[in-house]
Structures are given as structure tokens and as C-alpha cells.
Amino acid sequence: MKQNSARTFLLMVAVFASVWLCRAGSPSGSLFPYCYQKGKAYVLLGELSGGGGSRWSCLGGKQDRGESLFDTALREGSEESKLVYGRTNSPGARTDAASLVGITKSNFDALLKKSMNYFGARVQPSLHGKFTDPDQKRGFEPAYVVFVEVDYIPEKVFTAASTIEDLNPVLRRNSREIQKKQHAISEVKDFHWFPLGELNDLLRAKIGDRQGYGPATEIEHAEVKYTIRGPTVWDFSLPGFQAMVKEILSKEAGAKPQAGIPAAPLAKVDIATLGNRLQALQAELKRLRGQLQAALRQ
């Protein structure tokens, strides 16, 4: 019995060690596309769906062999945004999903390169960098974060854009290399432009002591609840990351606006209250009409 217990304990230690080493040796890159609109900075996040439910996250993933972490961020950001910025020659508020170039086996690499070049040419020297666990206690994998100012494209375009998963099943079976490169794309089911300042304030108010990557954090914005994924929450807890956010927010007032993003969320309208206001306006209009008619008769 004691031998079995000892064997079980050693097996558990070995499994834990292998998981820890895997995490510690698997660097990642994350892309935070942002733009300015009417005095506000907005950042694009994607909604991932998995075993733990839906989570909103930056656009990122694991480093490929022989790849720099900077390129990892650009590649993962390109793939998880469905190569949208590589599939149009004029990204902007008028871009729509139907106008995007379709992804095929023959053009995938070219579209990926075009998207990465688009992001890479717009990165500012002070808005990217590598982060590790500042406490050196929990085995955080190194993370490379890149903020890049982009042309605004409506979030619905990213959501509706086709991916490799939408292609003919025969083509998918014959495109294992593409599937491998694009495996993360199918995890992103929705996109949203979050006001960076408000998102930062909401997350900073809820970030406590870091426990691993930390649990997913729920925030409420525009009367809608969003669950932010743990690694993204961890990014917002880092001083170096905060320095980038502050630099972006410091330029809000002087930034050139882009059309398309609403300046503020629409408030919910109570029908009963609206009806009462309408009745009051009608009564006031009737009173003013009576005064006008009386004045004309004099």
C-alpha cells in the first residue's frame, strides 16, 4: 500500500513538473490593435469559446519554433483577426466582410504576410515589449505585448469574415499545414472595440493579488457583462503594460478621429417613461396653441 502511495505521489510530482516546464518554456505574443474616435482610444478584443465558457481576450498565442516573439504577436494577431487587414487594400469604416479576399490554400501565406506587414509598419518603439512574472514565483511564461494603431474596421466585419473553417471540407482535409497555422482562428467567435480607458479602469479596480494567471474577471460596460480572460487581466496588472496604456491615453485629445465608432453607448429607453414624456409634450403643445389662437383673436 505504501509503495502504491509513493508511486502515485511521484507520478503526480512528475505531471506537475511537466506542466510547469511546459508553461515556463512556451512564450507567447499578444497583439492589441487600437484606434481613436472622438477623443477616445478603443482597443479590439476577441471572444474565445472553450471548455470554460466564453472569455474576452487580446489577440495572441504561442510562439512557433525559430520565430521572434515580436513576429509571434504580429502573426497571432493576424490569424486571430482572420487576416482581415491583409484581405483588403483599403481598411476603414466602409470595409465589409463581402469585400474581403477569400482565404485559400494558395494565398494564405501571402495574406498572412500582408497582414503582418500592415501591423509591423505601424508599431511604435515604445509600445511593445516582453513581460515575465515580476515575482518569479509562479512560473509565468514570457509574454510579448504589442500595441498597434490601426484603421478602424467595424467589429461585425471581423465576426462575419470567413476563415479556413468555412472552406470546402475536401480543401480542409488537404490543407493540414494551413489548419495548423489557423487553428486559433476558429476559437474567436466575436469581436468588440472596448474603450481602452474605461476597460483599464474597470480591470484595475478588480485586480488583486496575482494567483497564477488569475481567474477570469467579469466587468460591466454599457450595461453588458463581459468576462475577461485571465492572461489578459494579468497583462493589465503589469507596470510596463500600464506605461503603454498611459501613453496611448495621453494622446486621446489630439488624435485624429475615425468614423464609425459611437462616441458613447446608447442608453436603454423605458417605453413607459417615453410615453409619459410624449403626453406631457402634447399637453404643452395644446396649451401653447390655445394661447396663440387667443392672441390672434384680439
Protein backbone atom coordinates (compact mmCIF):
# COMPACT_ATOMS: atom_id res chain seq x y z
CA MET A 1 0.00 0.00 0.00
CA LYS A 2 2.81 2.39 0.96
CA GLN A 3 4.63 1.62 -2.31
CA ASN A 4 1.49 2.41 -4.32
CA SER A 5 1.03 5.68 -2.43
CA ALA A 6 4.65 6.65 -3.01
CA ARG A 7 4.35 5.74 -6.69
CA THR A 8 1.18 7.83 -7.02
CA PHE A 9 2.87 10.78 -5.29
CA LEU A 10 5.91 10.61 -7.59
CA LEU A 11 3.63 10.39 -10.65
CA MET A 12 1.75 13.50 -9.51
CA VAL A 13 5.03 15.35 -8.99
CA ALA A 14 6.21 14.36 -12.46
CA VAL A 15 2.95 15.52 -14.08
CA PHE A 16 3.06 18.83 -12.19
CA ALA A 17 6.68 19.38 -13.17
CA SER A 18 5.98 18.66 -16.84
CA VAL A 19 3.04 21.10 -16.86
CA TRP A 20 5.14 23.79 -15.14
CA LEU A 21 8.02 23.33 -17.56
CA CYS A 22 5.63 23.43 -20.49
CA ARG A 23 4.22 26.75 -19.29
CA ALA A 24 7.60 28.19 -18.47
CA GLY A 25 9.02 27.17 -21.85
CA SER A 26 6.10 28.28 -24.02
CA PRO A 27 6.46 32.02 -24.66
CA SER A 28 3.55 33.86 -26.26
CA GLY A 29 2.87 37.03 -28.20
CA SER A 30 -0.19 39.27 -27.90
CA LEU A 31 -1.47 42.00 -30.21
CA PHE A 32 -3.66 44.89 -29.02
CA PRO A 33 -4.97 46.78 -32.09
CA TYR A 34 -6.28 50.22 -31.13
CA CYS A 35 -7.68 53.34 -32.80
CA TYR A 36 -9.00 56.76 -31.77
CA GLN A 37 -12.54 58.08 -32.12
CA LYS A 38 -13.93 61.38 -30.81
CA GLY A 39 -11.33 61.80 -28.11
CA LYS A 40 -11.24 58.15 -27.01
CA ALA A 41 -8.87 55.25 -27.62
CA TYR A 42 -10.55 51.93 -28.45
CA VAL A 43 -8.89 48.50 -28.31
CA LEU A 44 -10.04 45.41 -30.21
CA LEU A 45 -10.56 42.19 -28.20
CA GLY A 46 -11.88 38.83 -29.35
CA GLU A 47 -14.31 36.49 -27.61
CA LEU A 48 -12.98 32.95 -27.27
CA SER A 49 -15.17 29.93 -26.59
CA GLY A 50 -13.89 26.82 -24.88
CA GLY A 51 -14.44 24.41 -22.04
CA GLY A 52 -14.50 27.23 -19.50
CA GLY A 53 -17.14 29.24 -21.36
CA SER A 54 -16.76 32.47 -23.30
CA ARG A 55 -13.86 34.76 -22.44
CA TRP A 56 -12.76 38.07 -23.99
CA SER A 57 -9.06 38.26 -24.73
CA CYS A 58 -6.30 40.04 -26.60
CA LEU A 59 -5.34 38.54 -29.96
CA GLY A 60 -2.40 36.25 -29.24
CA GLY A 61 -0.95 32.79 -28.92
CA LYS A 62 2.15 30.60 -28.64
CA GLN A 63 5.49 31.16 -30.27
CA ASP A 64 6.46 28.99 -33.25
CA ARG A 65 9.92 27.45 -33.44
CA GLY A 66 12.50 29.85 -34.88
CA GLU A 67 10.16 32.83 -34.59
CA SER A 68 10.85 36.05 -32.68
CA LEU A 69 8.29 36.99 -30.04
CA PHE A 70 7.60 40.24 -31.89
CA ASP A 71 6.69 38.24 -35.00
CA THR A 72 4.63 35.87 -32.84
CA ALA A 73 2.47 38.80 -31.74
CA LEU A 74 2.04 40.01 -35.33
CA ARG A 75 1.29 36.51 -36.66
CA GLU A 76 -1.10 35.52 -33.89
CA GLY A 77 -2.82 38.88 -34.07
CA SER A 78 -3.19 38.45 -37.83
CA GLU A 79 -4.53 34.92 -37.58
CA GLU A 80 -6.95 35.60 -34.75
CA SER A 81 -8.29 38.69 -36.53
CA LYS A 82 -8.92 36.37 -39.51
CA LEU A 83 -6.28 38.11 -41.67
CA VAL A 84 -8.82 40.91 -42.22
CA TYR A 85 -6.14 43.62 -42.51
CA GLY A 86 -4.37 41.54 -45.16
CA ARG A 87 -7.54 40.85 -47.14
CA THR A 88 -8.39 44.44 -48.08
CA ASN A 89 -6.39 47.18 -49.78
CA SER A 90 -8.37 49.99 -48.12
CA PRO A 91 -9.14 49.16 -44.47
CA GLY A 92 -11.63 51.56 -42.94
CA ALA A 93 -15.16 52.14 -41.69
CA ARG A 94 -16.62 51.20 -45.09
CA THR A 95 -14.91 47.81 -45.21
CA ASP A 96 -17.40 44.94 -45.23
CA ALA A 97 -17.00 41.18 -44.99
CA ALA A 98 -18.24 40.59 -48.53
CA SER A 99 -15.42 42.72 -49.99
CA LEU A 100 -12.62 40.75 -48.31
CA VAL A 101 -10.38 38.47 -50.36
CA GLY A 102 -11.21 34.84 -49.61
CA ILE A 103 -8.62 32.63 -47.88
CA THR A 104 -7.40 29.69 -49.97
CA LYS A 105 -4.60 27.18 -49.78
CA SER A 106 -2.60 29.09 -52.38
CA ASN A 107 -2.95 32.62 -50.97
CA PHE A 108 -2.87 32.01 -47.22
CA ASP A 109 0.84 32.77 -46.75
CA ALA A 110 0.63 35.94 -48.88
CA LEU A 111 -2.39 37.25 -46.95
CA LEU A 112 -0.72 36.45 -43.64
CA LYS A 113 2.44 38.30 -44.69
CA LYS A 114 0.40 41.29 -45.86
CA SER A 115 -1.45 41.46 -42.53
CA MET A 116 1.78 41.15 -40.52
CA ASN A 117 3.42 43.87 -42.64
CA TYR A 118 0.41 46.15 -42.06
CA PHE A 119 0.74 45.77 -38.28
CA GLY A 120 4.55 45.82 -38.23
CA ALA A 121 4.79 49.10 -40.15
CA ARG A 122 2.55 50.84 -37.59
CA VAL A 123 4.19 49.72 -34.34
CA GLN A 124 5.74 52.49 -32.24
CA PRO A 125 9.08 51.71 -30.46
CA SER A 126 7.65 52.47 -27.02
CA LEU A 127 4.51 50.38 -27.47
CA HIS A 128 5.85 46.84 -27.43
CA GLY A 129 7.90 44.76 -25.03
CA LYS A 130 8.48 41.46 -23.23
CA PHE A 131 6.99 40.74 -19.82
CA THR A 132 7.71 37.99 -17.31
CA ASP A 133 6.38 37.16 -13.85
CA PRO A 134 7.66 40.07 -11.70
CA ASP A 135 7.55 37.90 -8.56
CA GLN A 136 9.38 34.96 -10.19
CA LYS A 137 7.24 32.61 -8.14
CA ARG A 138 4.54 31.09 -10.29
CA GLY A 139 6.31 30.12 -13.50
CA PHE A 140 4.64 32.60 -15.84
CA GLU A 141 5.60 32.05 -19.42
CA PRO A 142 7.22 35.10 -21.06
CA ALA A 143 4.67 37.26 -22.88
CA TYR A 144 5.42 39.77 -25.62
CA VAL A 145 2.84 42.54 -25.93
CA VAL A 146 2.43 44.76 -28.99
CA PHE A 147 0.07 47.74 -29.20
CA VAL A 148 -0.52 48.96 -32.76
CA GLU A 149 -2.66 51.82 -34.03
CA VAL A 150 -4.85 50.57 -36.88
CA ASP A 151 -7.54 51.80 -39.24
CA TYR A 152 -10.97 51.27 -37.74
CA ILE A 153 -12.92 48.39 -39.27
CA PRO A 154 -16.40 47.62 -37.87
CA GLU A 155 -16.33 44.74 -35.40
CA LYS A 156 -19.10 42.96 -37.32
CA VAL A 157 -16.69 42.59 -40.28
CA PHE A 158 -14.27 40.52 -38.19
CA THR A 159 -17.11 38.39 -36.82
CA ALA A 160 -18.63 37.74 -40.25
CA ALA A 161 -15.34 37.22 -42.12
CA SER A 162 -14.82 33.71 -43.47
CA THR A 163 -11.93 31.56 -42.24
CA ILE A 164 -10.31 28.28 -43.22
CA GLU A 165 -13.02 26.58 -41.17
CA ASP A 166 -15.60 27.86 -43.67
CA LEU A 167 -13.89 26.36 -46.72
CA ASN A 168 -14.84 23.19 -48.56
CA PRO A 169 -14.27 20.07 -46.36
CA VAL A 170 -12.10 18.45 -49.04
CA LEU A 171 -9.84 21.51 -49.13
CA ARG A 172 -9.64 21.49 -45.35
CA ARG A 173 -8.57 17.85 -45.28
CA ASN A 174 -5.86 18.57 -47.85
CA SER A 175 -4.58 21.66 -46.05
CA ARG A 176 -3.18 20.37 -42.77
CA GLU A 177 -0.42 22.98 -42.76
CA ILE A 178 -2.98 25.77 -43.09
CA GLN A 179 -5.17 24.20 -40.42
CA LYS A 180 -2.18 24.05 -38.09
CA LYS A 181 -1.39 27.72 -38.69
CA GLN A 182 -5.02 28.74 -38.41
CA HIS A 183 -6.16 26.55 -35.52
CA ALA A 184 -6.63 29.56 -33.23
CA ILE A 185 -8.88 31.44 -35.66
CA SER A 186 -11.87 29.19 -35.08
CA GLU A 187 -11.67 29.95 -31.33
CA VAL A 188 -12.58 33.60 -31.87
CA LYS A 189 -16.33 33.86 -32.33
CA ASP A 190 -16.93 37.57 -31.81
CA PHE A 191 -15.08 40.91 -31.67
CA HIS A 192 -15.65 44.18 -29.83
CA TRP A 193 -13.99 47.61 -29.69
CA PHE A 194 -13.62 48.45 -25.97
CA PRO A 195 -12.86 52.00 -24.78
CA LEU A 196 -9.32 51.47 -23.53
CA GLY A 197 -9.51 53.94 -20.66
CA GLU A 198 -12.74 52.51 -19.27
CA LEU A 199 -11.57 48.92 -19.74
CA ASN A 200 -8.33 49.74 -17.94
CA ASP A 201 -10.15 51.39 -15.03
CA LEU A 202 -12.63 48.52 -14.68
CA LEU A 203 -9.90 45.86 -14.67
CA ARG A 204 -7.53 47.77 -12.42
CA ALA A 205 -10.33 48.18 -9.89
CA LYS A 206 -10.75 44.40 -9.73
CA ILE A 207 -7.15 43.18 -9.97
CA GLY A 208 -5.89 41.94 -6.63
CA ASP A 209 -3.01 39.67 -5.80
CA ARG A 210 -1.92 37.63 -8.81
CA GLN A 211 -2.73 33.96 -8.43
CA GLY A 212 -1.15 32.23 -11.40
CA TYR A 213 -2.69 33.97 -14.37
CA GLY A 214 -5.53 34.92 -12.08
CA PRO A 215 -9.15 33.98 -12.56
CA ALA A 216 -11.20 35.39 -15.38
CA THR A 217 -12.56 38.78 -14.35
CA GLU A 218 -16.10 39.96 -15.01
CA ILE A 219 -16.70 43.61 -15.86
CA GLU A 220 -19.81 45.54 -16.88
CA HIS A 221 -19.65 48.03 -19.73
CA ALA A 222 -22.57 49.72 -21.46
CA GLU A 223 -24.96 47.62 -19.34
CA VAL A 224 -23.46 44.40 -20.74
CA LYS A 225 -21.30 41.99 -18.72
CA TYR A 226 -18.04 40.76 -20.21
CA THR A 227 -15.71 38.10 -18.80
CA ILE A 228 -12.06 38.99 -19.48
CA ARG A 229 -9.64 36.05 -19.80
CA GLY A 230 -7.01 35.56 -17.10
CA PRO A 231 -3.84 36.19 -19.19
CA THR A 232 -5.27 39.47 -20.50
CA VAL A 233 -6.15 40.53 -16.94
CA TRP A 234 -2.56 39.72 -15.95
CA ASP A 235 -1.28 41.98 -18.75
CA PHE A 236 -3.24 44.91 -17.32
CA SER A 237 -1.68 44.32 -13.88
CA LEU A 238 1.89 44.95 -15.08
CA PRO A 239 3.62 48.34 -14.62
CA GLY A 240 5.24 48.14 -18.07
CA PHE A 241 1.89 47.42 -19.70
CA GLN A 242 0.32 50.31 -17.80
CA ALA A 243 3.01 52.64 -19.14
CA MET A 244 1.96 51.75 -22.69
CA VAL A 245 -1.72 52.28 -21.86
CA LYS A 246 -0.97 55.70 -20.34
CA GLU A 247 0.99 56.74 -23.44
CA ILE A 248 -1.92 55.79 -25.71
CA LEU A 249 -4.49 57.53 -23.48
CA SER A 250 -2.32 60.67 -23.25
CA LYS A 251 -2.81 61.20 -26.99
CA GLU A 252 -6.61 60.89 -26.98
CA ALA A 253 -7.42 64.61 -27.12
CA GLY A 254 -5.13 65.34 -30.09
CA ALA A 255 -5.79 62.14 -32.06
CA LYS A 256 -7.38 62.30 -35.48
CA PRO A 257 -10.83 60.68 -35.18
CA GLN A 258 -12.04 57.87 -37.39
CA ALA A 259 -15.63 57.46 -38.50
CA GLY A 260 -17.70 54.55 -37.36
CA ILE A 261 -17.30 54.01 -33.61
CA PRO A 262 -20.09 55.50 -31.47
CA ALA A 263 -18.78 58.08 -29.02
CA ALA A 264 -20.84 56.59 -26.19
CA PRO A 265 -23.06 53.53 -25.71
CA LEU A 266 -26.75 54.01 -26.36
CA ALA A 267 -28.76 54.15 -23.16
CA LYS A 268 -31.71 51.81 -22.65
CA VAL A 269 -35.06 53.56 -23.17
CA ASP A 270 -38.01 52.86 -20.87
CA ILE A 271 -41.15 52.81 -23.05
CA ALA A 272 -43.48 53.87 -20.25
CA THR A 273 -41.31 56.87 -19.39
CA LEU A 274 -41.09 57.82 -23.06
CA GLY A 275 -44.90 57.64 -23.34
CA ASN A 276 -45.37 59.91 -20.33
CA ARG A 277 -42.95 62.44 -21.80
CA LEU A 278 -44.81 62.38 -25.10
CA GLN A 279 -48.15 63.02 -23.35
CA ALA A 280 -46.65 65.94 -21.43
CA LEU A 281 -45.27 67.45 -24.66
CA GLN A 282 -48.67 67.06 -26.36
CA ALA A 283 -50.40 68.83 -23.44
CA GLU A 284 -47.85 71.65 -23.56
CA LEU A 285 -48.31 71.97 -27.32
CA LYS A 286 -52.09 72.16 -26.87
CA ARG A 287 -51.70 74.91 -24.25
CA LEU A 288 -49.39 76.96 -26.48
CA ARG A 289 -51.76 76.55 -29.43
CA GLY A 290 -54.61 77.90 -27.31
CA GLN A 291 -52.56 80.93 -26.26
CA LEU A 292 -51.63 81.63 -29.88
CA GLN A 293 -55.24 81.42 -31.06
CA ALA A 294 -56.38 83.75 -28.22
CA ALA A 295 -53.70 86.27 -29.17
CA LEU A 296 -54.75 86.22 -32.83
CA ARG A 297 -58.43 86.88 -31.92
CA GLN A 298 -57.54 90.08 -30.04
